[in-house]
Amino acid sequence: MEIKSVTMNDYESLMELWNSIGMSRRALNPVDDSRDGIERYIKRNPTTCFKAVGDDGKLLGVILSGHDGRRGLVHHLCVDPETQRGGIGSRLVKAAEEALHKEGIEKIFILVFADNEKGNAFWEKQGYSLRTDLNYRNKSLNVNIPTGK
């Protein structure tokens, strides 16, 4: 397995992977995760998005992370269900953390659905603490992007 940078040539396989997993599919929206949305994201964050590729060329996992110059954010992490619990997610997180740190980012956050027990356990193992002192709020400026509950 090899960790490589994500490019727009990966878009179709990224979407296939994300759509194969319920929790990942649930986090997608038709604007931000469209071809144009992902292209915008990768252009803005060209050195902090990674994929894990098997020896056979198959996409095994992906992480999209970026920053605003102050804080890092992991937007998507997804690992093929057949290869989960094999260290791929941890390697992707490490690659993203190192890339963000290289760009001067000292703190990273991630949003995880509260009912995603597997995901929350994974992030806890990666050293990401649960903040219970904050309320997450959002506002959609596009009617095609759901605001959530």
Protein backbone atom coordinates (compact mmCIF):
# COMPACT_ATOMS: atom_id res chain seq x y z
CA MET A 1 0.00 0.00 0.00
CA GLU A 2 1.12 3.53 -0.76
CA ILE A 3 -0.05 6.94 0.50
CA LYS A 4 -0.28 9.51 -2.31
CA SER A 5 -1.73 12.97 -2.86
CA VAL A 6 -5.31 13.16 -4.09
CA THR A 7 -5.89 14.66 -7.54
CA MET A 8 -9.01 15.32 -9.54
CA ASN A 9 -8.29 12.16 -11.52
CA ASP A 10 -9.36 10.35 -8.33
CA TYR A 11 -12.82 11.93 -8.17
CA GLU A 12 -14.85 9.00 -9.55
CA SER A 13 -13.17 6.44 -7.31
CA LEU A 14 -13.48 8.77 -4.28
CA MET A 15 -17.20 9.10 -4.86
CA GLU A 16 -17.57 5.36 -5.35
CA LEU A 17 -15.80 4.72 -2.04
CA TRP A 18 -17.70 7.43 -0.13
CA ASN A 19 -21.03 6.23 -1.49
CA SER A 20 -20.29 2.61 -0.51
CA ILE A 21 -20.41 3.46 3.21
CA GLY A 22 -23.57 4.74 4.89
CA MET A 23 -21.90 7.12 7.36
CA SER A 24 -19.72 8.61 4.63
CA ARG A 25 -22.64 8.91 2.22
CA ARG A 26 -24.60 10.68 4.94
CA ALA A 27 -21.91 13.38 5.22
CA LEU A 28 -21.92 14.22 1.51
CA ASN A 29 -23.92 17.01 -0.10
CA PRO A 30 -24.57 17.69 -3.78
CA VAL A 31 -22.73 21.02 -3.88
CA ASP A 32 -19.57 20.72 -1.78
CA ASP A 33 -18.95 17.15 -2.89
CA SER A 34 -19.71 17.69 -6.56
CA ARG A 35 -16.85 17.52 -9.04
CA ASP A 36 -16.59 21.35 -8.93
CA GLY A 37 -16.72 21.42 -5.12
CA ILE A 38 -14.00 18.81 -4.68
CA GLU A 39 -11.86 20.46 -7.36
CA ARG A 40 -12.14 23.79 -5.50
CA TYR A 41 -11.18 22.04 -2.25
CA ILE A 42 -8.15 20.27 -3.71
CA LYS A 43 -6.94 23.46 -5.41
CA ARG A 44 -7.16 25.25 -2.05
CA ASN A 45 -5.53 22.36 -0.15
CA PRO A 46 -3.20 20.65 -2.64
CA THR A 47 -0.74 19.28 -0.08
CA THR A 48 -3.09 18.05 2.66
CA CYS A 49 -5.39 15.54 0.88
CA PHE A 50 -4.28 11.91 0.62
CA LYS A 51 -5.34 8.52 -0.66
CA ALA A 52 -4.22 5.02 0.21
CA VAL A 53 -3.72 2.85 -2.86
CA GLY A 54 -3.24 -0.90 -2.81
CA ASP A 55 -0.52 -2.70 -4.73
CA ASP A 56 -3.17 -3.51 -7.34
CA GLY A 57 -4.03 0.20 -7.77
CA LYS A 58 -7.32 -0.05 -5.88
CA LEU A 59 -8.34 2.94 -3.76
CA LEU A 60 -8.37 1.75 -0.14
CA GLY A 61 -8.97 5.01 1.67
CA VAL A 62 -8.98 8.78 1.43
CA ILE A 63 -8.67 11.80 3.70
CA LEU A 64 -9.52 15.36 2.74
CA SER A 65 -8.05 17.86 5.13
CA GLY A 66 -7.28 21.53 4.88
CA HIS A 67 -6.96 24.71 6.86
CA ASP A 68 -7.86 28.38 6.98
CA GLY A 69 -4.37 29.47 8.02
CA ARG A 70 -5.26 29.12 11.68
CA ARG A 71 -6.94 25.75 12.30
CA GLY A 72 -6.89 22.48 10.41
CA LEU A 73 -10.02 20.53 9.60
CA VAL A 74 -10.52 16.97 8.44
CA HIS A 75 -13.51 17.03 6.13
CA HIS A 76 -13.67 13.42 5.04
CA LEU A 77 -11.93 10.23 6.08
CA CYS A 78 -13.10 7.01 4.55
CA VAL A 79 -11.55 3.54 4.39
CA ASP A 80 -12.84 0.66 2.30
CA PRO A 81 -14.84 -1.58 4.67
CA GLU A 82 -12.90 -4.67 3.52
CA THR A 83 -9.63 -3.12 4.70
CA GLN A 84 -10.76 -1.31 7.84
CA ARG A 85 -8.89 -2.04 11.06
CA GLY A 86 -5.68 -2.58 9.11
CA GLY A 87 -4.03 0.75 9.93
CA ILE A 88 -4.98 2.55 6.71
CA GLY A 89 -7.08 5.21 8.47
CA SER A 90 -4.32 5.86 10.99
CA ARG A 91 -1.74 6.23 8.22
CA LEU A 92 -3.97 8.68 6.34
CA VAL A 93 -4.55 10.73 9.50
CA LYS A 94 -0.81 10.82 10.19
CA ALA A 95 -0.09 11.99 6.62
CA ALA A 96 -2.68 14.76 6.94
CA GLU A 97 -1.44 15.82 10.38
CA GLU A 98 2.16 15.99 9.18
CA ALA A 99 1.19 17.99 6.09
CA LEU A 100 -0.91 20.43 8.12
CA HIS A 101 1.86 20.84 10.70
CA LYS A 102 4.33 21.54 7.90
CA GLU A 103 2.05 24.41 6.87
CA GLY A 104 2.14 25.89 10.38
CA ILE A 105 -1.12 24.44 11.68
CA GLU A 106 -0.99 23.53 15.38
CA LYS A 107 -4.57 22.42 16.03
CA ILE A 108 -6.95 20.26 14.00
CA PHE A 109 -10.62 19.53 14.43
CA ILE A 110 -13.06 17.09 12.96
CA LEU A 111 -16.82 16.79 13.03
CA VAL A 112 -18.16 13.27 13.60
CA PHE A 113 -21.82 12.30 13.75
CA ALA A 114 -22.72 11.66 17.40
CA ASP A 115 -24.23 8.28 16.55
CA ASN A 116 -21.16 7.11 14.62
CA GLU A 117 -19.77 4.93 17.40
CA LYS A 118 -17.11 3.33 15.20
CA GLY A 119 -15.93 6.69 13.90
CA ASN A 120 -15.89 8.32 17.32
CA ALA A 121 -13.90 5.40 18.76
CA PHE A 122 -11.40 5.70 15.89
CA TRP A 123 -10.86 9.43 16.43
CA GLU A 124 -10.50 8.92 20.19
CA LYS A 125 -7.73 6.38 19.47
CA GLN A 126 -6.04 8.96 17.23
CA GLY A 127 -5.87 11.38 20.19
CA TYR A 128 -8.79 13.66 19.23
CA SER A 129 -10.68 14.66 22.36
CA LEU A 130 -14.42 15.20 22.52
CA ARG A 131 -15.42 18.83 23.10
CA THR A 132 -18.65 19.00 25.09
CA ASP A 133 -18.41 22.72 25.80
CA LEU A 134 -19.33 23.85 22.27
CA ASN A 135 -22.43 23.95 20.14
CA TYR A 136 -21.84 23.37 16.45
CA ARG A 137 -23.97 25.66 14.31
CA ASN A 138 -24.25 26.03 10.56
CA LYS A 139 -26.21 27.94 7.99
CA SER A 140 -26.63 26.89 4.39
CA LEU A 141 -26.34 29.64 1.80
CA ASN A 142 -27.50 27.22 -0.89
CA VAL A 143 -30.90 25.49 -0.86
CA ASN A 144 -29.27 22.32 -2.21
CA ILE A 145 -27.13 21.88 0.91
CA PRO A 146 -29.00 20.40 3.86
CA THR A 147 -28.48 22.14 7.19
CA GLY A 148 -28.75 18.98 9.28
CA LYS A 149 -30.71 18.53 12.47
